[in-house]
Amino acid sequence: MKTTRRNFLKLSAVAAASLPATSLMASTKTANKPIVISTWNFGMQANEEAWKILIANGRALDAVEAGARVPESDPKETSVGLGGLPDRDGHVTLDACIMDENGNIGSVAGLEHIVHPVSVARKVMEKTPHVMLVGEGALQFALANGFKKEKLLTKESEQAWKNWLKEGKYKPIANIENHDTIGILALDTKGNLSGACTTSGMAYKMHGRVGDSPIIGAGLYVDNEVGAATSTGVGEEVIRIVGCHLVVELMRQGNLPEQACKLAVERIIQKNPAKAKEVQVGFLALNKSGEYGAFCLQKGFSYAVHSDSINQLFDSSSIY
């Protein structure tokens, strides 16, 4: 049986207790390049795929795309790609973006019927003069570029949706699989950074809702001179502060990755203290030197790190 995120976090907490305190509590964590980091426990599997490219002296852009495709194609993951929980009308709509070391960007939002929106986003980046395609236009573009039209709503996700319809209430719950995104960042052997972010968005959202994940500067940002950041959680709160751009700019000012993430989280609290106590937002960052860190509102956000010296899941520090 596949381990759920909630069970996984319980197990990882037990395992973490046996590790040296410095391995989980140090505010500055550094690894030699190459390195790949990503959000949540499925980041471990995503990182493994990305690492195959990085260890072969491959490009960070190729690594983050390959890593993001892992949870996208897993029908048991209910917050990314195939198997994602639908909106309130029963549609599985996907959002994704990608950004390379040269500032090139591509994004899709509200994309249906395509398992790998991150790869469609890369095609938008490489083959169009645009940054973002949405809805039916994004689907038309994907099909024209060889992507296969598939049914994304699994029997399990469909049943969960039908159960939700009995009451039809919507309230995000921190750290539950209704708003978990995979964001993935990599630094390759040439010292170049890239990042990707992909999600099926909030479960049972209004049809047409788009969160932070496909928005460059909100759910993802890369500056090859400074560092990269990605986010997870309730996207509306991330968009309000243009969160990942903020994290990168805070690193530009000299803050280490974890401190930059913490300052961004504090900005969310400043905007709406009452709301911040009810939702989860987490930031993950990697700088040009290979230093990395994360910070979140509520306990429970985990992130995965893979380099030549470490392959491990960490629990993020939090405000509450």
C-alpha atoms as a PDB file:
ATOM      1  CA  MET A   1       0.000   0.000   0.000  1.00  0.00           C
ATOM      2  CA  LYS A   2       1.275   3.447  -0.904  1.00  0.00           C
ATOM      3  CA  THR A   3       2.221   5.581   2.065  1.00  0.00           C
ATOM      4  CA  THR A   4       0.067   8.694   2.354  1.00  0.00           C
ATOM      5  CA  ARG A   5       1.685  12.046   3.034  1.00  0.00           C
ATOM      6  CA  ARG A   6       0.129  12.193   6.480  1.00  0.00           C
ATOM      7  CA  ASN A   7       1.476   8.773   7.446  1.00  0.00           C
ATOM      8  CA  PHE A   8       4.781   9.579   5.813  1.00  0.00           C
ATOM      9  CA  LEU A   9       5.190  12.724   7.868  1.00  0.00           C
ATOM     10  CA  LYS A  10       4.528  10.760  11.048  1.00  0.00           C
ATOM     11  CA  LEU A  11       7.128   8.181  10.053  1.00  0.00           C
ATOM     12  CA  SER A  12       9.656  10.817   9.021  1.00  0.00           C
ATOM     13  CA  ALA A  13       9.237  12.602  12.343  1.00  0.00           C
ATOM     14  CA  VAL A  14      10.164   9.379  14.158  1.00  0.00           C
ATOM     15  CA  ALA A  15      13.148   8.859  11.874  1.00  0.00           C
ATOM     16  CA  ALA A  16      14.255  12.452  12.316  1.00  0.00           C
ATOM     17  CA  ALA A  17      14.440  11.993  16.055  1.00  0.00           C
ATOM     18  CA  SER A  18      17.307   9.540  15.569  1.00  0.00           C
ATOM     19  CA  LEU A  19      19.351  11.942  13.431  1.00  0.00           C
ATOM     20  CA  PRO A  20      21.922  14.386  14.802  1.00  0.00           C
ATOM     21  CA  ALA A  21      20.260  17.641  15.782  1.00  0.00           C
ATOM     22  CA  THR A  22      22.569  19.643  13.553  1.00  0.00           C
ATOM     23  CA  SER A  23      21.379  17.765  10.449  1.00  0.00           C
ATOM     24  CA  LEU A  24      17.851  19.112  10.837  1.00  0.00           C
ATOM     25  CA  MET A  25      18.282  22.313  12.807  1.00  0.00           C
ATOM     26  CA  ALA A  26      21.202  24.066  11.141  1.00  0.00           C
ATOM     27  CA  SER A  27      20.037  27.349   9.640  1.00  0.00           C
ATOM     28  CA  THR A  28      22.597  27.144   6.827  1.00  0.00           C
ATOM     29  CA  LYS A  29      22.798  23.961   4.789  1.00  0.00           C
ATOM     30  CA  THR A  30      25.294  23.693   1.960  1.00  0.00           C
ATOM     31  CA  ALA A  31      26.046  21.052  -0.633  1.00  0.00           C
ATOM     32  CA  ASN A  32      28.518  20.968  -3.497  1.00  0.00           C
ATOM     33  CA  LYS A  33      27.035  21.296  -6.942  1.00  0.00           C
ATOM     34  CA  PRO A  34      25.238  19.606  -8.533  1.00  0.00           C
ATOM     35  CA  ILE A  35      22.264  19.638  -6.214  1.00  0.00           C
ATOM     36  CA  VAL A  36      18.495  19.309  -6.580  1.00  0.00           C
ATOM     37  CA  ILE A  37      15.881  20.192  -3.965  1.00  0.00           C
ATOM     38  CA  SER A  38      12.109  19.838  -4.083  1.00  0.00           C
ATOM     39  CA  THR A  39       8.970  20.119  -1.986  1.00  0.00           C
ATOM     40  CA  TRP A  40       7.209  17.385  -0.008  1.00  0.00           C
ATOM     41  CA  ASN A  41       7.916  13.687   0.328  1.00  0.00           C
ATOM     42  CA  PHE A  42       7.331  12.964  -3.353  1.00  0.00           C
ATOM     43  CA  GLY A  43      10.340  15.189  -3.871  1.00  0.00           C
ATOM     44  CA  MET A  44      12.499  12.203  -2.942  1.00  0.00           C
ATOM     45  CA  GLN A  45      11.396  10.289  -6.043  1.00  0.00           C
ATOM     46  CA  ALA A  46      11.466  13.428  -8.184  1.00  0.00           C
ATOM     47  CA  ASN A  47      15.012  14.193  -7.056  1.00  0.00           C
ATOM     48  CA  GLU A  48      16.174  10.689  -7.940  1.00  0.00           C
ATOM     49  CA  GLU A  49      15.118  11.230 -11.545  1.00  0.00           C
ATOM     50  CA  ALA A  50      16.619  14.710 -11.683  1.00  0.00           C
ATOM     51  CA  TRP A  51      19.855  13.444 -10.171  1.00  0.00           C
ATOM     52  CA  LYS A  52      20.402  11.021 -13.070  1.00  0.00           C
ATOM     53  CA  ILE A  53      20.728  14.041 -15.339  1.00  0.00           C
ATOM     54  CA  LEU A  54      22.755  16.194 -12.977  1.00  0.00           C
ATOM     55  CA  ILE A  55      25.322  13.496 -12.163  1.00  0.00           C
ATOM     56  CA  ALA A  56      25.892  13.034 -15.903  1.00  0.00           C
ATOM     57  CA  ASN A  57      26.778  16.747 -16.171  1.00  0.00           C
ATOM     58  CA  GLY A  58      23.378  17.503 -17.641  1.00  0.00           C
ATOM     59  CA  ARG A  59      21.554  20.796 -17.651  1.00  0.00           C
ATOM     60  CA  ALA A  60      19.565  21.918 -14.614  1.00  0.00           C
ATOM     61  CA  LEU A  61      16.584  22.676 -16.859  1.00  0.00           C
ATOM     62  CA  ASP A  62      16.418  19.083 -18.079  1.00  0.00           C
ATOM     63  CA  ALA A  63      16.780  17.840 -14.515  1.00  0.00           C
ATOM     64  CA  VAL A  64      13.893  19.850 -13.058  1.00  0.00           C
ATOM     65  CA  GLU A  65      11.590  18.886 -15.919  1.00  0.00           C
ATOM     66  CA  ALA A  66      12.416  15.190 -15.513  1.00  0.00           C
ATOM     67  CA  GLY A  67      11.925  15.391 -11.765  1.00  0.00           C
ATOM     68  CA  ALA A  68       8.583  17.181 -11.980  1.00  0.00           C
ATOM     69  CA  ARG A  69       7.271  14.569 -14.409  1.00  0.00           C
ATOM     70  CA  VAL A  70       7.536  11.855 -11.734  1.00  0.00           C
ATOM     71  CA  PRO A  71       4.620  12.937  -9.500  1.00  0.00           C
ATOM     72  CA  GLU A  72       2.737  14.231 -12.547  1.00  0.00           C
ATOM     73  CA  SER A  73       2.427  10.671 -13.870  1.00  0.00           C
ATOM     74  CA  ASP A  74       1.668   9.022 -10.509  1.00  0.00           C
ATOM     75  CA  PRO A  75      -2.091   8.274 -10.306  1.00  0.00           C
ATOM     76  CA  LYS A  76      -1.859   7.930  -6.523  1.00  0.00           C
ATOM     77  CA  GLU A  77      -0.752  11.538  -6.044  1.00  0.00           C
ATOM     78  CA  THR A  78      -3.923  13.567  -5.637  1.00  0.00           C
ATOM     79  CA  SER A  79      -2.378  17.024  -5.863  1.00  0.00           C
ATOM     80  CA  VAL A  80      -0.291  16.810  -9.065  1.00  0.00           C
ATOM     81  CA  GLY A  81      -1.066  15.666 -12.601  1.00  0.00           C
ATOM     82  CA  LEU A  82      -2.749  12.335 -13.264  1.00  0.00           C
ATOM     83  CA  GLY A  83      -4.990  11.484 -10.314  1.00  0.00           C
ATOM     84  CA  GLY A  84      -5.253  15.074  -9.151  1.00  0.00           C
ATOM     85  CA  LEU A  85      -8.439  15.941  -7.300  1.00  0.00           C
ATOM     86  CA  PRO A  86     -10.853  17.845  -9.549  1.00  0.00           C
ATOM     87  CA  ASP A  87     -12.504  21.227  -9.243  1.00  0.00           C
ATOM     88  CA  ARG A  88     -16.046  21.478  -7.914  1.00  0.00           C
ATOM     89  CA  ASP A  89     -17.411  20.721 -11.408  1.00  0.00           C
ATOM     90  CA  GLY A  90     -15.403  17.512 -11.739  1.00  0.00           C
ATOM     91  CA  HIS A  91     -12.656  18.814 -14.045  1.00  0.00           C
ATOM     92  CA  VAL A  92      -8.995  18.041 -13.351  1.00  0.00           C
ATOM     93  CA  THR A  93      -7.200  21.230 -14.386  1.00  0.00           C
ATOM     94  CA  LEU A  94      -3.424  21.477 -14.208  1.00  0.00           C
ATOM     95  CA  ASP A  95      -1.024  24.400 -13.782  1.00  0.00           C
ATOM     96  CA  ALA A  96       2.740  24.427 -14.307  1.00  0.00           C
ATOM     97  CA  CYS A  97       5.698  26.650 -15.107  1.00  0.00           C
ATOM     98  CA  ILE A  98       9.402  26.322 -15.815  1.00  0.00           C
ATOM     99  CA  MET A  99      12.317  28.774 -15.836  1.00  0.00           C
ATOM    100  CA  ASP A 100      15.909  28.381 -16.978  1.00  0.00           C
ATOM    101  CA  GLU A 101      19.247  30.045 -16.199  1.00  0.00           C
ATOM    102  CA  ASN A 102      18.799  32.641 -18.935  1.00  0.00           C
ATOM    103  CA  GLY A 103      15.479  33.953 -17.666  1.00  0.00           C
ATOM    104  CA  ASN A 104      13.460  32.080 -20.282  1.00  0.00           C
ATOM    105  CA  ILE A 105      10.024  31.125 -18.988  1.00  0.00           C
ATOM    106  CA  GLY A 106       6.996  29.096 -19.983  1.00  0.00           C
ATOM    107  CA  SER A 107       3.694  28.414 -18.266  1.00  0.00           C
ATOM    108  CA  VAL A 108       0.312  26.748 -18.666  1.00  0.00           C
ATOM    109  CA  ALA A 109      -2.818  27.132 -16.545  1.00  0.00           C
ATOM    110  CA  GLY A 110      -6.185  25.410 -16.481  1.00  0.00           C
ATOM    111  CA  LEU A 111      -4.844  22.685 -18.765  1.00  0.00           C
ATOM    112  CA  GLU A 112      -6.995  19.557 -19.040  1.00  0.00           C
ATOM    113  CA  HIS A 113      -6.336  16.070 -20.467  1.00  0.00           C
ATOM    114  CA  ILE A 114      -2.517  16.287 -20.517  1.00  0.00           C
ATOM    115  CA  VAL A 115      -0.472  14.300 -17.975  1.00  0.00           C
ATOM    116  CA  HIS A 116       2.678  16.423 -18.141  1.00  0.00           C
ATOM    117  CA  PRO A 117       1.875  20.144 -18.001  1.00  0.00           C
ATOM    118  CA  VAL A 118       5.490  20.935 -17.046  1.00  0.00           C
ATOM    119  CA  SER A 119       6.626  19.666 -20.440  1.00  0.00           C
ATOM    120  CA  VAL A 120       3.929  21.695 -22.191  1.00  0.00           C
ATOM    121  CA  ALA A 121       5.167  24.736 -20.271  1.00  0.00           C
ATOM    122  CA  ARG A 122       8.666  24.076 -21.584  1.00  0.00           C
ATOM    123  CA  LYS A 123       7.306  23.912 -25.134  1.00  0.00           C
ATOM    124  CA  VAL A 124       5.592  27.259 -24.582  1.00  0.00           C
ATOM    125  CA  MET A 125       8.954  28.645 -23.475  1.00  0.00           C
ATOM    126  CA  GLU A 126      10.894  27.218 -26.408  1.00  0.00           C
ATOM    127  CA  LYS A 127       8.434  27.345 -29.310  1.00  0.00           C
ATOM    128  CA  THR A 128       6.244  30.422 -28.816  1.00  0.00           C
ATOM    129  CA  PRO A 129       6.742  34.179 -28.345  1.00  0.00           C
ATOM    130  CA  HIS A 130       4.488  33.953 -25.270  1.00  0.00           C
ATOM    131  CA  VAL A 131       4.937  33.201 -21.592  1.00  0.00           C
ATOM    132  CA  MET A 132       1.598  31.590 -20.667  1.00  0.00           C
ATOM    133  CA  LEU A 133      -1.140  29.643 -22.420  1.00  0.00           C
ATOM    134  CA  VAL A 134      -4.371  28.756 -20.627  1.00  0.00           C
ATOM    135  CA  GLY A 135      -7.391  26.492 -20.909  1.00  0.00           C
ATOM    136  CA  GLU A 136      -8.482  25.363 -24.343  1.00  0.00           C
ATOM    137  CA  GLY A 137      -5.660  27.244 -26.031  1.00  0.00           C
ATOM    138  CA  ALA A 138      -3.086  25.430 -23.918  1.00  0.00           C
ATOM    139  CA  LEU A 139      -4.708  22.104 -24.803  1.00  0.00           C
ATOM    140  CA  GLN A 140      -4.720  22.901 -28.519  1.00  0.00           C
ATOM    141  CA  PHE A 141      -1.040  23.813 -28.328  1.00  0.00           C
ATOM    142  CA  ALA A 142      -0.205  20.611 -26.443  1.00  0.00           C
ATOM    143  CA  LEU A 143      -2.010  18.402 -28.938  1.00  0.00           C
ATOM    144  CA  ALA A 144      -0.368  20.202 -31.864  1.00  0.00           C
ATOM    145  CA  ASN A 145       3.008  19.446 -30.306  1.00  0.00           C
ATOM    146  CA  GLY A 146       2.476  15.720 -29.950  1.00  0.00           C
ATOM    147  CA  PHE A 147       1.089  15.410 -26.436  1.00  0.00           C
ATOM    148  CA  LYS A 148      -1.547  12.720 -25.964  1.00  0.00           C
ATOM    149  CA  LYS A 149      -5.049  13.523 -24.749  1.00  0.00           C
ATOM    150  CA  GLU A 150      -5.830  11.378 -21.702  1.00  0.00           C
ATOM    151  CA  LYS A 151      -8.390  11.069 -18.929  1.00  0.00           C
ATOM    152  CA  LEU A 152      -6.892  12.509 -15.749  1.00  0.00           C
ATOM    153  CA  LEU A 153      -9.742  11.811 -13.330  1.00  0.00           C
ATOM    154  CA  THR A 154      -9.046   8.461 -11.679  1.00  0.00           C
ATOM    155  CA  LYS A 155     -11.745   6.349 -10.041  1.00  0.00           C
ATOM    156  CA  GLU A 156     -10.348   7.200  -6.613  1.00  0.00           C
ATOM    157  CA  SER A 157     -10.334  10.943  -7.220  1.00  0.00           C
ATOM    158  CA  GLU A 158     -13.779  10.816  -8.786  1.00  0.00           C
ATOM    159  CA  GLN A 159     -15.175   9.032  -5.728  1.00  0.00           C
ATOM    160  CA  ALA A 160     -13.535  11.552  -3.404  1.00  0.00           C
ATOM    161  CA  TRP A 161     -15.155  14.358  -5.404  1.00  0.00           C
ATOM    162  CA  LYS A 162     -18.588  12.703  -5.234  1.00  0.00           C
ATOM    163  CA  ASN A 163     -18.206  12.336  -1.482  1.00  0.00           C
ATOM    164  CA  TRP A 164     -17.288  16.019  -1.237  1.00  0.00           C
ATOM    165  CA  LEU A 165     -20.376  16.984  -3.239  1.00  0.00           C
ATOM    166  CA  LYS A 166     -22.626  15.648  -0.474  1.00  0.00           C
ATOM    167  CA  GLU A 167     -21.818  18.755   1.566  1.00  0.00           C
ATOM    168  CA  GLY A 168     -19.990  20.931  -0.942  1.00  0.00           C
ATOM    169  CA  LYS A 169     -18.110  22.884   1.716  1.00  0.00           C
ATOM    170  CA  TYR A 170     -14.699  24.283   0.861  1.00  0.00           C
ATOM    171  CA  LYS A 171     -12.036  25.157   3.382  1.00  0.00           C
ATOM    172  CA  PRO A 172      -8.301  24.565   2.815  1.00  0.00           C
ATOM    173  CA  ILE A 173      -6.721  22.405   5.521  1.00  0.00           C
ATOM    174  CA  ALA A 174      -3.025  22.877   6.189  1.00  0.00           C
ATOM    175  CA  ASN A 175      -0.782  20.032   5.015  1.00  0.00           C
ATOM    176  CA  ILE A 176      -3.623  17.935   3.609  1.00  0.00           C
ATOM    177  CA  GLU A 177      -3.392  16.845  -0.023  1.00  0.00           C
ATOM    178  CA  ASN A 178      -5.675  19.558  -1.402  1.00  0.00           C
ATOM    179  CA  HIS A 179      -3.019  22.166  -2.056  1.00  0.00           C
ATOM    180  CA  ASP A 180       0.343  20.443  -2.280  1.00  0.00           C
ATOM    181  CA  THR A 181       2.517  21.393  -5.224  1.00  0.00           C
ATOM    182  CA  ILE A 182       5.836  20.027  -6.337  1.00  0.00           C
ATOM    183  CA  GLY A 183       8.368  22.774  -6.791  1.00  0.00           C
ATOM    184  CA  ILE A 184      11.842  21.638  -7.828  1.00  0.00           C
ATOM    185  CA  LEU A 185      15.100  23.614  -8.082  1.00  0.00           C
ATOM    186  CA  ALA A 186      18.484  22.493  -9.383  1.00  0.00           C
ATOM    187  CA  LEU A 187      22.066  23.759  -9.621  1.00  0.00           C
ATOM    188  CA  ASP A 188      24.113  21.880 -12.227  1.00  0.00           C
ATOM    189  CA  THR A 189      27.846  21.248 -12.555  1.00  0.00           C
ATOM    190  CA  LYS A 190      28.250  24.385 -14.672  1.00  0.00           C
ATOM    191  CA  GLY A 191      26.795  26.473 -11.861  1.00  0.00           C
ATOM    192  CA  ASN A 192      23.512  27.190 -13.636  1.00  0.00           C
ATOM    193  CA  LEU A 193      20.122  27.227 -11.929  1.00  0.00           C
ATOM    194  CA  SER A 194      16.672  26.232 -13.169  1.00  0.00           C
ATOM    195  CA  GLY A 195      13.312  25.501 -11.586  1.00  0.00           C
ATOM    196  CA  ALA A 196       9.883  24.029 -12.255  1.00  0.00           C
ATOM    197  CA  CYS A 197       6.556  23.954 -10.464  1.00  0.00           C
ATOM    198  CA  THR A 198       3.488  21.815 -11.216  1.00  0.00           C
ATOM    199  CA  THR A 199       0.141  21.110  -9.542  1.00  0.00           C
ATOM    200  CA  SER A 200      -3.499  20.184  -9.982  1.00  0.00           C
ATOM    201  CA  GLY A 201      -4.326  23.048  -7.653  1.00  0.00           C
ATOM    202  CA  MET A 202      -6.724  23.153  -4.763  1.00  0.00           C
ATOM    203  CA  ALA A 203      -9.184  20.298  -4.645  1.00  0.00           C
ATOM    204  CA  TYR A 204     -12.782  21.323  -5.382  1.00  0.00           C
ATOM    205  CA  LYS A 205     -11.759  24.848  -6.358  1.00  0.00           C
ATOM    206  CA  MET A 206     -14.033  26.996  -8.512  1.00  0.00           C
ATOM    207  CA  HIS A 207     -13.683  26.061 -12.160  1.00  0.00           C
ATOM    208  CA  GLY A 208     -11.114  28.409 -13.681  1.00  0.00           C
ATOM    209  CA  ARG A 209      -9.264  29.127 -10.446  1.00  0.00           C
ATOM    210  CA  VAL A 210      -5.506  29.516 -10.861  1.00  0.00           C
ATOM    211  CA  GLY A 211      -3.096  29.669  -7.944  1.00  0.00           C
ATOM    212  CA  ASP A 212       0.529  30.701  -7.690  1.00  0.00           C
ATOM    213  CA  SER A 213       2.115  27.612  -9.242  1.00  0.00           C
ATOM    214  CA  PRO A 214       2.125  28.700 -12.914  1.00  0.00           C
ATOM    215  CA  ILE A 215       2.875  32.347 -12.164  1.00  0.00           C
ATOM    216  CA  ILE A 216       6.519  33.296 -12.573  1.00  0.00           C
ATOM    217  CA  GLY A 217       7.523  35.341  -9.539  1.00  0.00           C
ATOM    218  CA  ALA A 218       4.828  33.851  -7.335  1.00  0.00           C
ATOM    219  CA  GLY A 219       5.186  30.054  -7.399  1.00  0.00           C
ATOM    220  CA  LEU A 220       8.673  30.031  -8.936  1.00  0.00           C
ATOM    221  CA  TYR A 221      11.529  32.386  -9.679  1.00  0.00           C
ATOM    222  CA  VAL A 222      15.108  31.897 -10.858  1.00  0.00           C
ATOM    223  CA  ASP A 223      17.894  34.467 -11.070  1.00  0.00           C
ATOM    224  CA  ASN A 224      21.099  32.797 -12.177  1.00  0.00           C
ATOM    225  CA  GLU A 225      23.219  35.457 -10.473  1.00  0.00           C
ATOM    226  CA  VAL A 226      21.564  34.938  -7.087  1.00  0.00           C
ATOM    227  CA  GLY A 227      19.419  31.858  -6.583  1.00  0.00           C
ATOM    228  CA  ALA A 228      16.012  30.271  -7.059  1.00  0.00           C
ATOM    229  CA  ALA A 229      12.859  29.793  -5.010  1.00  0.00           C
ATOM    230  CA  THR A 230       9.607  27.876  -5.193  1.00  0.00           C
ATOM    231  CA  SER A 231       6.520  27.687  -3.011  1.00  0.00           C
ATOM    232  CA  THR A 232       3.732  25.409  -1.870  1.00  0.00           C
ATOM    233  CA  GLY A 233       0.481  25.879  -0.021  1.00  0.00           C
ATOM    234  CA  VAL A 234      -2.410  28.275  -0.512  1.00  0.00           C
ATOM    235  CA  GLY A 235      -1.470  30.099  -3.687  1.00  0.00           C
ATOM    236  CA  GLU A 236      -3.625  33.153  -3.136  1.00  0.00           C
ATOM    237  CA  GLU A 237      -1.464  34.142  -0.182  1.00  0.00           C
ATOM    238  CA  VAL A 238       1.742  33.626  -2.178  1.00  0.00           C
ATOM    239  CA  ILE A 239       0.473  35.734  -5.077  1.00  0.00           C
ATOM    240  CA  ARG A 240      -0.326  38.638  -2.745  1.00  0.00           C
ATOM    241  CA  ILE A 241       3.361  39.100  -1.953  1.00  0.00           C
ATOM    242  CA  VAL A 242       4.828  37.792  -5.253  1.00  0.00           C
ATOM    243  CA  GLY A 243       6.469  35.321  -2.932  1.00  0.00           C
ATOM    244  CA  CYS A 244       9.260  33.592  -4.833  1.00  0.00           C
ATOM    245  CA  HIS A 245      10.526  36.771  -6.452  1.00  0.00           C
ATOM    246  CA  LEU A 246      10.577  38.247  -2.961  1.00  0.00           C
ATOM    247  CA  VAL A 247      12.632  35.327  -1.632  1.00  0.00           C
ATOM    248  CA  VAL A 248      15.196  35.680  -4.428  1.00  0.00           C
ATOM    249  CA  GLU A 249      15.462  39.427  -3.891  1.00  0.00           C
ATOM    250  CA  LEU A 250      15.964  38.868  -0.183  1.00  0.00           C
ATOM    251  CA  MET A 251      18.818  36.495  -1.031  1.00  0.00           C
ATOM    252  CA  ARG A 252      20.228  39.186  -3.323  1.00  0.00           C
ATOM    253  CA  GLN A 253      20.332  41.463  -0.285  1.00  0.00           C
ATOM    254  CA  GLY A 254      22.549  38.951   1.491  1.00  0.00           C
ATOM    255  CA  ASN A 255      20.084  36.729   3.335  1.00  0.00           C
ATOM    256  CA  LEU A 256      20.740  33.004   3.381  1.00  0.00           C
ATOM    257  CA  PRO A 257      18.009  30.834   1.820  1.00  0.00           C
ATOM    258  CA  GLU A 258      16.236  29.848   5.037  1.00  0.00           C
ATOM    259  CA  GLN A 259      16.269  33.411   6.358  1.00  0.00           C
ATOM    260  CA  ALA A 260      14.926  34.727   3.051  1.00  0.00           C
ATOM    261  CA  CYS A 261      12.107  32.168   3.173  1.00  0.00           C
ATOM    262  CA  LYS A 262      11.322  33.136   6.764  1.00  0.00           C
ATOM    263  CA  LEU A 263      11.132  36.831   5.904  1.00  0.00           C
ATOM    264  CA  ALA A 264       8.710  36.030   3.071  1.00  0.00           C
ATOM    265  CA  VAL A 265       6.529  33.986   5.425  1.00  0.00           C
ATOM    266  CA  GLU A 266       6.540  36.892   7.880  1.00  0.00           C
ATOM    267  CA  ARG A 267       5.391  39.172   5.066  1.00  0.00           C
ATOM    268  CA  ILE A 268       2.339  36.940   4.599  1.00  0.00           C
ATOM    269  CA  ILE A 269       1.555  37.241   8.293  1.00  0.00           C
ATOM    270  CA  GLN A 270       1.912  41.023   8.142  1.00  0.00           C
ATOM    271  CA  LYS A 271      -0.652  41.163   5.333  1.00  0.00           C
ATOM    272  CA  ASN A 272      -3.276  39.109   7.157  1.00  0.00           C
ATOM    273  CA  PRO A 273      -2.373  37.749  10.627  1.00  0.00           C
ATOM    274  CA  ALA A 274      -5.699  36.001  11.211  1.00  0.00           C
ATOM    275  CA  LYS A 275      -5.710  34.223   7.855  1.00  0.00           C
ATOM    276  CA  ALA A 276      -2.084  33.160   8.231  1.00  0.00           C
ATOM    277  CA  LYS A 277      -2.961  31.057  11.284  1.00  0.00           C
ATOM    278  CA  GLU A 278      -5.470  29.018   9.257  1.00  0.00           C
ATOM    279  CA  VAL A 279      -3.516  28.137   6.108  1.00  0.00           C
ATOM    280  CA  GLN A 280      -0.191  26.695   5.062  1.00  0.00           C
ATOM    281  CA  VAL A 281       2.417  28.361   2.884  1.00  0.00           C
ATOM    282  CA  GLY A 282       5.986  27.179   2.540  1.00  0.00           C
ATOM    283  CA  PHE A 283       8.961  28.510   0.611  1.00  0.00           C
ATOM    284  CA  LEU A 284      12.028  26.578  -0.529  1.00  0.00           C
ATOM    285  CA  ALA A 285      15.178  28.272  -1.815  1.00  0.00           C
ATOM    286  CA  LEU A 286      18.591  27.477  -3.275  1.00  0.00           C
ATOM    287  CA  ASN A 287      21.349  30.019  -3.843  1.00  0.00           C
ATOM    288  CA  LYS A 288      24.215  30.165  -6.313  1.00  0.00           C
ATOM    289  CA  SER A 289      26.628  28.708  -3.742  1.00  0.00           C
ATOM    290  CA  GLY A 290      24.572  25.553  -3.209  1.00  0.00           C
ATOM    291  CA  GLU A 291      23.153  26.720   0.120  1.00  0.00           C
ATOM    292  CA  TYR A 292      19.513  25.800   0.625  1.00  0.00           C
ATOM    293  CA  GLY A 293      16.723  26.213   3.143  1.00  0.00           C
ATOM    294  CA  ALA A 294      12.979  26.419   3.706  1.00  0.00           C
ATOM    295  CA  PHE A 295      10.467  28.035   5.998  1.00  0.00           C
ATOM    296  CA  CYS A 296       6.694  27.750   6.392  1.00  0.00           C
ATOM    297  CA  LEU A 297       3.703  28.991   8.371  1.00  0.00           C
ATOM    298  CA  GLN A 298       2.597  25.728   9.993  1.00  0.00           C
ATOM    299  CA  LYS A 299       4.539  22.654  11.038  1.00  0.00           C
ATOM    300  CA  GLY A 300       4.378  19.769   8.582  1.00  0.00           C
ATOM    301  CA  PHE A 301       6.047  21.027   5.405  1.00  0.00           C
ATOM    302  CA  SER A 302       8.871  18.763   4.249  1.00  0.00           C
ATOM    303  CA  TYR A 303      11.420  19.098   1.477  1.00  0.00           C
ATOM    304  CA  ALA A 304      13.891  16.730  -0.190  1.00  0.00           C
ATOM    305  CA  VAL A 305      17.562  17.320  -0.977  1.00  0.00           C
ATOM    306  CA  HIS A 306      19.844  15.292  -3.266  1.00  0.00           C
ATOM    307  CA  SER A 307      23.547  15.964  -3.855  1.00  0.00           C
ATOM    308  CA  ASP A 308      26.696  13.856  -3.894  1.00  0.00           C
ATOM    309  CA  SER A 309      26.768  13.992  -0.093  1.00  0.00           C
ATOM    310  CA  ILE A 310      23.112  13.783   0.914  1.00  0.00           C
ATOM    311  CA  ASN A 311      19.818  12.273  -0.186  1.00  0.00           C
ATOM    312  CA  GLN A 312      17.359  13.113   2.555  1.00  0.00           C
ATOM    313  CA  LEU A 313      13.992  14.524   3.526  1.00  0.00           C
ATOM    314  CA  PHE A 314      13.974  17.477   5.932  1.00  0.00           C
ATOM    315  CA  ASP A 315      11.261  19.056   8.038  1.00  0.00           C
ATOM    316  CA  SER A 316      10.997  22.785   7.434  1.00  0.00           C
ATOM    317  CA  SER A 317      11.168  25.261  10.287  1.00  0.00           C
ATOM    318  CA  SER A 318       7.892  27.108  10.869  1.00  0.00           C
ATOM    319  CA  ILE A 319       6.363  30.135  12.539  1.00  0.00           C
ATOM    320  CA  TYR A 320       3.530  28.307  14.305  1.00  0.00           C
END
